[in-house]
Amino acid sequence: MNTITSLLVSAHQDELLAQAAAERLARAASQPGRPNPIASKARSVWSLLAVAVDRTPTVPKLTDYPFRS
């Protein structure tokens, strides 16, 4: 009797695991795709570089600098 009971419990657990996997798959399919974190980081780096190229440097002009050679 113990063997039959363990087989029934194992079958029930397998059924529950399959049901949970199907629910996870359905939930993942219904959600919109998450943005790729690597792609978003690359876009932010490129946007920072583009802004840095467009700006003029903020260094003072050394026209009246007393120690120039």
N, C-alpha and C. Protein backbone atom coordinates (compact mmCIF):
# COMPACT_ATOMS: atom_id res chain seq x y z
N MET A 1 0.81 -1.19 0.00
CA MET A 1 0.00 0.00 0.00
C MET A 1 0.86 1.26 0.00
N ASN A 2 1.99 1.22 0.62
CA ASN A 2 2.88 2.36 0.69
C ASN A 2 3.40 2.73 -0.70
N THR A 3 3.70 1.76 -1.52
CA THR A 3 4.21 2.01 -2.86
C THR A 3 3.16 2.70 -3.73
N ILE A 4 1.93 2.27 -3.62
CA ILE A 4 0.85 2.87 -4.40
C ILE A 4 0.63 4.32 -3.95
N THR A 5 0.66 4.54 -2.67
CA THR A 5 0.48 5.89 -2.14
C THR A 5 1.61 6.81 -2.61
N SER A 6 2.84 6.34 -2.57
CA SER A 6 3.96 7.17 -3.01
C SER A 6 3.87 7.47 -4.51
N LEU A 7 3.38 6.50 -5.29
CA LEU A 7 3.19 6.74 -6.71
C LEU A 7 2.11 7.79 -6.97
N LEU A 8 1.02 7.73 -6.22
CA LEU A 8 -0.06 8.71 -6.37
C LEU A 8 0.41 10.10 -5.95
N VAL A 9 1.14 10.19 -4.88
CA VAL A 9 1.65 11.49 -4.41
C VAL A 9 2.64 12.04 -5.42
N SER A 10 3.49 11.20 -5.94
CA SER A 10 4.47 11.64 -6.94
C SER A 10 3.78 12.13 -8.21
N ALA A 11 2.74 11.42 -8.63
CA ALA A 11 1.99 11.84 -9.82
C ALA A 11 1.30 13.17 -9.58
N HIS A 12 0.75 13.34 -8.39
CA HIS A 12 0.09 14.61 -8.05
C HIS A 12 1.10 15.76 -8.01
N GLN A 13 2.27 15.52 -7.46
CA GLN A 13 3.31 16.54 -7.43
C GLN A 13 3.77 16.90 -8.84
N ASP A 14 3.91 15.90 -9.70
CA ASP A 14 4.28 16.16 -11.09
C ASP A 14 3.22 17.01 -11.80
N GLU A 15 1.96 16.72 -11.51
CA GLU A 15 0.87 17.49 -12.09
C GLU A 15 0.91 18.94 -11.60
N LEU A 16 1.16 19.14 -10.32
CA LEU A 16 1.24 20.50 -9.78
C LEU A 16 2.44 21.26 -10.36
N LEU A 17 3.56 20.58 -10.51
CA LEU A 17 4.74 21.23 -11.10
C LEU A 17 4.50 21.62 -12.55
N ALA A 18 3.84 20.76 -13.31
CA ALA A 18 3.54 21.07 -14.70
C ALA A 18 2.56 22.23 -14.80
N GLN A 19 1.59 22.27 -13.90
CA GLN A 19 0.62 23.37 -13.89
C GLN A 19 1.31 24.69 -13.54
N ALA A 20 2.19 24.67 -12.56
CA ALA A 20 2.92 25.88 -12.18
C ALA A 20 3.82 26.36 -13.32
N ALA A 21 4.46 25.43 -14.01
CA ALA A 21 5.31 25.81 -15.14
C ALA A 21 4.48 26.43 -16.26
N ALA A 22 3.30 25.88 -16.51
CA ALA A 22 2.43 26.43 -17.55
C ALA A 22 1.95 27.82 -17.17
N GLU A 23 1.64 28.04 -15.90
CA GLU A 23 1.22 29.36 -15.44
C GLU A 23 2.35 30.37 -15.55
N ARG A 24 3.57 29.96 -15.21
CA ARG A 24 4.72 30.86 -15.34
C ARG A 24 4.96 31.23 -16.80
N LEU A 25 4.83 30.24 -17.69
CA LEU A 25 5.02 30.49 -19.11
C LEU A 25 3.94 31.44 -19.64
N ALA A 26 2.71 31.25 -19.22
CA ALA A 26 1.62 32.12 -19.66
C ALA A 26 1.80 33.54 -19.12
N ARG A 27 2.26 33.65 -17.89
CA ARG A 27 2.48 34.97 -17.30
C ARG A 27 3.62 35.69 -18.00
N ALA A 28 4.67 34.97 -18.34
CA ALA A 28 5.81 35.57 -19.03
C ALA A 28 5.43 36.00 -20.44
N ALA A 29 4.54 35.24 -21.08
CA ALA A 29 4.12 35.58 -22.45
C ALA A 29 3.18 36.78 -22.45
N SER A 30 2.42 36.97 -21.38
CA SER A 30 1.46 38.07 -21.35
C SER A 30 2.12 39.39 -20.99
N GLN A 31 3.25 39.36 -20.31
CA GLN A 31 3.93 40.59 -19.94
C GLN A 31 4.72 41.12 -21.12
N PRO A 32 4.74 42.44 -21.28
CA PRO A 32 5.57 42.99 -22.35
C PRO A 32 7.04 42.74 -22.03
N GLY A 33 7.82 42.63 -23.06
CA GLY A 33 9.23 42.32 -22.88
C GLY A 33 9.96 43.40 -22.10
N ARG A 34 10.81 42.96 -21.20
CA ARG A 34 11.61 43.92 -20.46
C ARG A 34 12.70 44.45 -21.37
N PRO A 35 13.07 45.70 -21.20
CA PRO A 35 14.16 46.22 -22.02
C PRO A 35 15.48 45.52 -21.66
N ASN A 36 16.30 45.39 -22.65
CA ASN A 36 17.58 44.75 -22.45
C ASN A 36 18.47 45.68 -21.63
N PRO A 37 18.95 45.26 -20.45
CA PRO A 37 19.74 46.17 -19.62
C PRO A 37 21.06 46.58 -20.27
N ILE A 38 21.64 45.70 -21.06
CA ILE A 38 22.91 46.04 -21.71
C ILE A 38 22.66 47.09 -22.79
N ALA A 39 21.58 46.95 -23.52
CA ALA A 39 21.26 47.92 -24.57
C ALA A 39 20.93 49.28 -23.97
N SER A 40 20.22 49.30 -22.86
CA SER A 40 19.90 50.59 -22.25
C SER A 40 21.15 51.27 -21.70
N LYS A 41 22.08 50.50 -21.15
CA LYS A 41 23.34 51.10 -20.68
C LYS A 41 24.15 51.63 -21.85
N ALA A 42 24.17 50.90 -22.95
CA ALA A 42 24.92 51.37 -24.12
C ALA A 42 24.31 52.65 -24.67
N ARG A 43 22.98 52.74 -24.69
CA ARG A 43 22.33 53.97 -25.15
C ARG A 43 22.66 55.14 -24.24
N SER A 44 22.69 54.92 -22.93
CA SER A 44 22.99 56.02 -22.02
C SER A 44 24.44 56.47 -22.17
N VAL A 45 25.35 55.53 -22.39
CA VAL A 45 26.76 55.91 -22.59
C VAL A 45 26.90 56.70 -23.88
N TRP A 46 26.25 56.23 -24.96
CA TRP A 46 26.34 56.95 -26.23
C TRP A 46 25.72 58.33 -26.12
N SER A 47 24.63 58.46 -25.36
CA SER A 47 24.01 59.77 -25.22
C SER A 47 24.93 60.71 -24.42
N LEU A 48 25.63 60.18 -23.43
CA LEU A 48 26.57 61.02 -22.69
C LEU A 48 27.73 61.45 -23.57
N LEU A 49 28.21 60.54 -24.42
CA LEU A 49 29.31 60.90 -25.31
C LEU A 49 28.86 61.92 -26.35
N ALA A 50 27.64 61.80 -26.82
CA ALA A 50 27.14 62.74 -27.82
C ALA A 50 27.01 64.14 -27.21
N VAL A 51 26.58 64.21 -25.97
CA VAL A 51 26.46 65.51 -25.29
C VAL A 51 27.85 66.09 -25.05
N ALA A 52 28.81 65.26 -24.69
CA ALA A 52 30.15 65.74 -24.42
C ALA A 52 30.82 66.28 -25.67
N VAL A 53 30.52 65.73 -26.82
CA VAL A 53 31.12 66.20 -28.07
C VAL A 53 30.50 67.53 -28.48
N ASP A 54 29.21 67.70 -28.25
CA ASP A 54 28.52 68.91 -28.67
C ASP A 54 28.87 70.13 -27.80
N ARG A 55 29.23 69.93 -26.57
CA ARG A 55 29.53 71.05 -25.68
C ARG A 55 30.91 71.61 -25.98
N THR A 56 31.05 72.88 -25.75
CA THR A 56 32.37 73.50 -25.84
C THR A 56 33.05 73.37 -24.49
N PRO A 57 34.34 73.19 -24.46
CA PRO A 57 35.01 73.04 -23.18
C PRO A 57 34.95 74.34 -22.37
N THR A 58 34.86 74.20 -21.07
CA THR A 58 34.76 75.38 -20.21
C THR A 58 36.10 75.61 -19.53
N VAL A 59 37.08 75.96 -20.31
CA VAL A 59 38.39 76.31 -19.75
C VAL A 59 38.60 77.80 -19.95
N PRO A 60 39.24 78.44 -19.00
CA PRO A 60 39.43 79.88 -19.14
C PRO A 60 40.47 80.20 -20.22
N LYS A 61 40.30 81.33 -20.83
CA LYS A 61 41.26 81.77 -21.83
C LYS A 61 42.46 82.36 -21.09
N LEU A 62 43.64 82.04 -21.55
CA LEU A 62 44.87 82.47 -20.88
C LEU A 62 45.50 83.66 -21.59
N THR A 63 44.71 84.68 -21.85
CA THR A 63 45.25 85.84 -22.57
C THR A 63 46.11 86.72 -21.66
N ASP A 64 45.71 86.94 -20.43
CA ASP A 64 46.46 87.80 -19.52
C ASP A 64 47.09 86.99 -18.39
N TYR A 65 47.49 85.79 -18.68
CA TYR A 65 48.10 84.92 -17.68
C TYR A 65 49.53 85.36 -17.46
N PRO A 66 49.94 85.71 -16.23
CA PRO A 66 51.27 86.28 -16.00
C PRO A 66 52.42 85.28 -16.14
N PHE A 67 52.17 84.01 -16.04
CA PHE A 67 53.26 83.03 -16.04
C PHE A 67 53.37 82.25 -17.34
N ARG A 68 52.90 82.76 -18.44
CA ARG A 68 53.02 82.03 -19.70
C ARG A 68 54.43 82.19 -20.26
N SER A 69 54.87 81.25 -21.00
CA SER A 69 56.24 81.32 -21.51
C SER A 69 56.31 81.74 -22.93
